Amino acid sequence: DGFDGPDRRGWADKSEAALRRERTADRKFDEFLSKCSSLDANDKSIFPLTEEVVDASTHLTEACWKTFRKRVENKGCKAKRREATFAERLDSGDKRKGKLYVISITCTVHPSKAKEDKEKKEAAAAAKKKKTEEAAARKARLAALHKEKVSEMYAKIIGEHDESDNQHKTPGKAKATTTMDSFVNVKVKSADLLQHAMTVHSQRQNEIRLANQSEERKLMSELMKKHEEEKQELRRKMKTNEEKLIASAKADHEEVKRKIEVACADKAKNFVTPSASAKKQKK
């Protein structure tokens, strides 16, 4: 495929050494979680509790870090990492040139309450999402009701001034109603009606332009077709006339050749060369 490097598609994303370090990080986290569990669950001043649990000597690759962080979050805790300082790098004994990290864990609540706390947060998030969706639906429905009311008032005004002018009226559609429609009072301002009138006017302009363009294309196509037929007919006439003129010129040429041949034949009989005339004089 134009790539000269090694094909890593079948390779594992975690080496055995990386997995060993990940298991070490898991063990340190479990120890921290056990420590949190031994604390007084009713003492609200203890939590949230944060400690640096995994030092720079336990280097986690990106794939291992993602797995470890997910496991921590599933236990109701939070994991955060920062780049190790120069001194921490020296203490770790790790000689790699890349970045090394120190991972801190935050236990937000007592582990015995973590599941309950997580469920509450998920329920709150779901309720917030539902509320947002309902608000968006209400907003959209209010906008639709307002648009319908503006259209109705516009149609009434147009009908009062000119009932015969049907082309200004917006075609009616079946309206979907909700329970909100029965008690919502939609207010329409003159600016709304003027804006709607401008929208209708713009739509009519576009319809006129589109119809005119369509008719123009149709007429131009017919004109081009007729023009092409006229051009073909003119070409045929010119070709026929050309052929007649060429035939006439050819006949004239043949007649000229015949006359020349006849004239030359007559002159040959009476023609005497200068040498023959001199011989006759000597005799």
Protein backbone atom coordinates (compact mmCIF):
# COMPACT_ATOMS: atom_id res chain seq x y z
CA ASP A 1 0.00 0.00 0.00
CA GLY A 2 3.01 2.33 -0.46
CA PHE A 3 4.08 1.93 3.23
CA ASP A 4 7.54 0.48 3.79
CA GLY A 5 7.38 0.13 7.58
CA PRO A 6 6.47 -3.03 9.51
CA ASP A 7 2.86 -4.19 9.45
CA ARG A 8 1.61 -3.81 13.04
CA ARG A 9 -2.01 -4.73 12.36
CA GLY A 10 -1.66 -8.13 14.00
CA TRP A 11 0.38 -6.86 16.94
CA ALA A 12 -0.99 -6.58 20.51
CA ASP A 13 -1.45 -3.00 21.76
CA LYS A 14 -0.01 -3.97 25.16
CA SER A 15 3.30 -5.74 25.73
CA GLU A 16 3.78 -8.19 28.61
CA ALA A 17 5.90 -5.61 30.47
CA ALA A 18 3.17 -2.97 30.01
CA LEU A 19 0.54 -5.40 31.33
CA ARG A 20 2.69 -6.10 34.41
CA ARG A 21 2.92 -2.37 35.17
CA GLU A 22 -0.85 -2.02 34.65
CA ARG A 23 -1.47 -4.84 37.15
CA THR A 24 0.83 -3.04 39.59
CA ALA A 25 -1.21 0.15 39.16
CA ASP A 26 -4.42 -1.85 39.72
CA ARG A 27 -3.01 -3.30 42.93
CA LYS A 28 -2.01 0.14 44.23
CA PHE A 29 -5.49 1.45 43.43
CA ASP A 30 -7.12 -1.48 45.25
CA GLU A 31 -4.96 -0.73 48.28
CA PHE A 32 -6.05 2.92 48.20
CA LEU A 33 -9.70 1.87 47.83
CA SER A 34 -9.35 -0.53 50.76
CA LYS A 35 -7.89 2.28 52.83
CA CYS A 36 -10.85 4.51 51.93
CA SER A 37 -13.27 1.74 52.88
CA SER A 38 -11.76 1.53 56.35
CA LEU A 39 -12.56 5.19 57.00
CA ASP A 40 -15.73 6.43 58.69
CA ALA A 41 -18.48 6.46 56.08
CA ASN A 42 -20.51 8.99 58.07
CA ASP A 43 -17.71 11.55 58.35
CA LYS A 44 -18.44 13.88 55.43
CA SER A 45 -15.28 15.90 56.07
CA ILE A 46 -13.06 13.04 54.86
CA PHE A 47 -14.35 12.85 51.32
CA PRO A 48 -13.49 13.63 48.63
CA LEU A 49 -10.05 12.18 49.37
CA THR A 50 -7.18 12.54 46.86
CA GLU A 51 -3.78 10.83 46.94
CA GLU A 52 -0.95 10.22 44.48
CA VAL A 53 -1.27 6.46 44.18
CA VAL A 54 0.85 5.47 41.16
CA ASP A 55 4.38 6.94 41.03
CA ALA A 56 6.59 7.51 38.00
CA SER A 57 8.26 4.10 38.30
CA THR A 58 5.00 2.43 37.19
CA HIS A 59 4.83 3.76 33.65
CA LEU A 60 1.51 3.15 31.91
CA THR A 61 1.33 3.23 28.13
CA GLU A 62 -1.55 5.14 26.55
CA ALA A 63 -3.58 1.93 26.08
CA CYS A 64 -2.92 0.85 29.69
CA TRP A 65 -3.75 4.33 31.02
CA LYS A 66 -7.15 4.28 29.28
CA THR A 67 -7.96 0.85 30.71
CA PHE A 68 -6.80 1.83 34.20
CA ARG A 69 -8.74 5.12 34.19
CA LYS A 70 -11.91 3.33 33.06
CA ARG A 71 -11.58 0.81 35.91
CA VAL A 72 -11.08 3.63 38.44
CA GLU A 73 -14.16 5.49 37.15
CA ASN A 74 -16.27 2.32 37.32
CA LYS A 75 -15.46 2.20 41.05
CA GLY A 76 -16.85 5.71 41.50
CA CYS A 77 -13.43 7.40 41.67
CA LYS A 78 -11.50 9.79 39.43
CA ALA A 79 -7.98 9.38 38.01
CA LYS A 80 -5.71 12.21 36.94
CA ARG A 81 -2.09 12.22 35.87
CA ARG A 82 0.65 14.85 35.76
CA GLU A 83 4.10 14.81 34.24
CA ALA A 84 6.79 13.67 36.64
CA THR A 85 9.37 16.18 37.84
CA PHE A 86 13.08 15.76 37.11
CA ALA A 87 13.69 14.47 40.64
CA GLU A 88 10.81 11.98 40.36
CA ARG A 89 12.25 10.72 37.06
CA LEU A 90 15.61 10.10 38.72
CA ASP A 91 13.98 8.33 41.67
CA SER A 92 11.93 6.11 39.32
CA GLY A 93 15.03 4.57 37.74
CA ASP A 94 13.20 4.50 34.39
CA LYS A 95 15.62 5.38 31.57
CA ARG A 96 13.04 5.94 28.82
CA LYS A 97 13.24 9.26 26.96
CA GLY A 98 9.48 9.78 26.78
CA LYS A 99 7.29 11.40 29.42
CA LEU A 100 6.70 9.75 32.78
CA TYR A 101 3.57 10.41 34.83
CA VAL A 102 2.41 10.40 38.43
CA ILE A 103 -1.24 9.32 38.83
CA SER A 104 -3.49 10.65 41.57
CA ILE A 105 -6.81 9.09 42.57
CA THR A 106 -9.78 10.94 44.04
CA CYS A 107 -12.32 8.96 46.02
CA THR A 108 -15.32 11.27 45.90
CA VAL A 109 -17.44 9.37 48.46
CA HIS A 110 -17.02 6.41 50.77
CA PRO A 111 -16.67 3.25 48.59
CA SER A 112 -19.81 1.78 50.22
CA LYS A 113 -21.78 4.72 48.82
CA ALA A 114 -19.99 4.92 45.45
CA LYS A 115 -22.54 2.78 43.61
CA GLU A 116 -25.45 4.73 45.04
CA ASP A 117 -23.70 8.01 44.25
CA LYS A 118 -22.99 6.88 40.70
CA GLU A 119 -26.62 5.86 40.18
CA LYS A 120 -27.77 9.24 41.52
CA LYS A 121 -25.43 11.07 39.14
CA GLU A 122 -26.58 8.98 36.18
CA ALA A 123 -30.22 9.58 37.12
CA ALA A 124 -29.56 13.33 37.45
CA ALA A 125 -27.80 13.38 34.07
CA ALA A 126 -30.70 11.49 32.47
CA ALA A 127 -33.22 13.87 34.06
CA LYS A 128 -31.23 16.88 32.85
CA LYS A 129 -31.06 15.45 29.34
CA LYS A 130 -34.80 14.77 29.35
CA LYS A 131 -35.51 18.28 30.61
CA THR A 132 -33.32 19.78 27.90
CA GLU A 133 -35.03 17.71 25.22
CA GLU A 134 -38.49 18.68 26.51
CA ALA A 135 -37.50 22.35 26.56
CA ALA A 136 -36.21 22.10 23.00
CA ALA A 137 -39.46 20.38 21.95
CA ARG A 138 -41.55 23.11 23.63
CA LYS A 139 -39.48 25.81 21.98
CA ALA A 140 -39.88 24.18 18.58
CA ARG A 141 -43.64 23.75 19.07
CA LEU A 142 -44.05 27.37 20.17
CA ALA A 143 -42.17 28.48 17.08
CA ALA A 144 -44.46 26.29 14.92
CA LEU A 145 -47.60 27.68 16.61
CA HIS A 146 -46.35 31.22 16.15
CA LYS A 147 -45.65 30.57 12.48
CA GLU A 148 -49.14 29.08 12.01
CA LYS A 149 -50.76 32.06 13.76
CA VAL A 150 -48.84 34.54 11.61
CA SER A 151 -49.91 32.66 8.46
CA GLU A 152 -53.55 32.67 9.57
CA MET A 153 -53.59 36.40 10.32
CA TYR A 154 -51.78 37.17 7.09
CA ALA A 155 -54.35 35.15 5.12
CA LYS A 156 -57.21 36.99 6.86
CA ILE A 157 -55.71 40.41 6.08
CA ILE A 158 -55.14 39.50 2.43
CA GLY A 159 -58.68 38.09 2.23
CA GLU A 160 -60.21 41.27 3.70
CA HIS A 161 -58.44 43.50 1.19
CA ASP A 162 -58.74 41.30 -1.89
CA GLU A 163 -60.60 38.01 -1.64
CA SER A 164 -60.06 37.29 -5.34
CA ASP A 165 -56.29 37.42 -5.02
CA ASN A 166 -55.85 33.73 -4.21
CA GLN A 167 -52.29 33.59 -5.41
CA HIS A 168 -51.21 35.44 -2.23
CA LYS A 169 -52.74 32.86 0.10
CA THR A 170 -50.64 30.11 1.61
CA PRO A 171 -52.13 26.64 0.96
CA GLY A 172 -53.53 25.08 4.13
CA LYS A 173 -52.07 21.92 5.64
CA ALA A 174 -53.31 19.45 8.23
CA LYS A 175 -52.15 20.70 11.62
CA ALA A 176 -50.70 18.36 14.23
CA THR A 177 -51.82 19.48 17.70
CA THR A 178 -50.48 18.81 21.17
CA THR A 179 -51.89 19.35 24.68
CA MET A 180 -49.84 22.53 24.86
CA ASP A 181 -51.78 24.06 21.93
CA SER A 182 -55.01 24.40 23.95
CA PHE A 183 -53.64 26.82 26.58
CA VAL A 184 -50.80 28.63 24.83
CA ASN A 185 -51.65 32.20 23.85
CA VAL A 186 -49.58 33.08 20.79
CA LYS A 187 -49.04 36.80 20.24
CA VAL A 188 -48.40 38.15 16.76
CA LYS A 189 -46.79 41.54 16.19
CA SER A 190 -46.96 43.71 13.08
CA ALA A 191 -43.25 43.05 12.54
CA ASP A 192 -44.03 39.32 12.36
CA LEU A 193 -46.68 39.93 9.69
CA LEU A 194 -44.34 42.19 7.71
CA GLN A 195 -41.60 39.56 7.90
CA HIS A 196 -44.05 36.89 6.73
CA ALA A 197 -45.16 39.15 3.88
CA MET A 198 -41.52 39.55 2.86
CA THR A 199 -41.06 35.78 2.96
CA VAL A 200 -44.14 35.24 0.78
CA HIS A 201 -42.91 37.95 -1.58
CA SER A 202 -39.47 36.33 -1.83
CA GLN A 203 -41.07 32.94 -2.50
CA ARG A 204 -43.21 34.43 -5.27
CA GLN A 205 -40.15 36.10 -6.79
CA ASN A 206 -38.29 32.81 -6.77
CA GLU A 207 -41.26 31.00 -8.32
CA ILE A 208 -41.51 33.65 -11.06
CA ARG A 209 -37.78 33.42 -11.76
CA LEU A 210 -37.84 29.62 -11.89
CA ALA A 211 -40.91 29.56 -14.16
CA ASN A 212 -39.41 32.20 -16.43
CA GLN A 213 -36.09 30.36 -16.61
CA SER A 214 -37.87 27.11 -17.43
CA GLU A 215 -39.91 28.79 -20.18
CA GLU A 216 -36.79 30.49 -21.52
CA ARG A 217 -34.92 27.19 -21.71
CA LYS A 218 -37.88 25.62 -23.50
CA LEU A 219 -38.17 28.44 -26.06
CA MET A 220 -34.42 28.59 -26.60
CA SER A 221 -34.36 24.86 -27.18
CA GLU A 222 -37.15 25.13 -29.75
CA LEU A 223 -35.45 28.11 -31.38
CA MET A 224 -32.12 26.31 -31.56
CA LYS A 225 -33.82 23.28 -33.05
CA LYS A 226 -35.58 25.42 -35.66
CA HIS A 227 -32.40 27.35 -36.34
CA GLU A 228 -30.49 24.11 -36.81
CA GLU A 229 -33.10 22.87 -39.27
CA GLU A 230 -32.88 26.16 -41.18
CA LYS A 231 -29.09 25.90 -41.26
CA GLN A 232 -29.28 22.35 -42.58
CA GLU A 233 -31.75 23.42 -45.29
CA LEU A 234 -29.49 26.33 -46.27
CA ARG A 235 -26.49 23.99 -46.47
CA ARG A 236 -28.45 21.62 -48.74
CA LYS A 237 -29.47 24.48 -51.06
CA MET A 238 -25.94 25.86 -51.22
CA LYS A 239 -24.55 22.39 -51.91
CA THR A 240 -27.06 21.81 -54.72
CA ASN A 241 -26.26 25.21 -56.26
CA GLU A 242 -22.54 24.52 -55.94
CA GLU A 243 -22.89 21.18 -57.68
CA LYS A 244 -24.88 22.83 -60.52
CA LEU A 245 -22.26 25.55 -61.00
CA ILE A 246 -19.41 23.04 -60.96
CA ALA A 247 -21.24 20.88 -63.53
CA SER A 248 -21.81 23.94 -65.72
CA ALA A 249 -18.15 24.96 -65.38
CA LYS A 250 -17.08 21.44 -66.30
CA ALA A 251 -19.31 21.46 -69.40
CA ASP A 252 -17.86 24.83 -70.40
CA HIS A 253 -14.38 23.44 -69.95
CA GLU A 254 -15.14 20.42 -72.12
CA GLU A 255 -16.53 22.74 -74.82
CA VAL A 256 -13.39 24.88 -74.69
CA LYS A 257 -11.21 21.77 -75.06
CA ARG A 258 -13.25 20.64 -78.06
CA LYS A 259 -12.93 24.01 -79.76
CA ILE A 260 -9.18 24.07 -79.19
CA GLU A 261 -8.78 20.59 -80.62
CA VAL A 262 -10.83 21.51 -83.72
CA ALA A 263 -8.92 24.75 -84.27
CA CYS A 264 -5.57 23.02 -83.93
CA ALA A 265 -6.58 20.28 -86.38
CA ASP A 266 -7.59 22.87 -89.03
CA LYS A 267 -4.38 24.85 -88.66
CA ALA A 268 -2.21 21.73 -88.99
CA LYS A 269 -3.39 21.19 -92.53
CA ASN A 270 -2.30 24.68 -93.75
CA PHE A 271 0.71 25.13 -91.55
CA VAL A 272 4.23 25.36 -93.33
CA THR A 273 7.46 25.43 -91.36
CA PRO A 274 10.20 28.08 -92.21
CA SER A 275 12.77 25.41 -93.37
CA ALA A 276 10.35 23.94 -95.90
CA SER A 277 9.69 27.43 -97.42
CA ALA A 278 13.44 28.11 -97.86
CA LYS A 279 13.96 24.86 -99.77
CA LYS A 280 11.22 25.81 -102.20
CA GLN A 281 12.91 29.22 -102.92
CA LYS A 282 16.35 27.60 -103.71
CA LYS A 283 14.79 25.41 -106.35
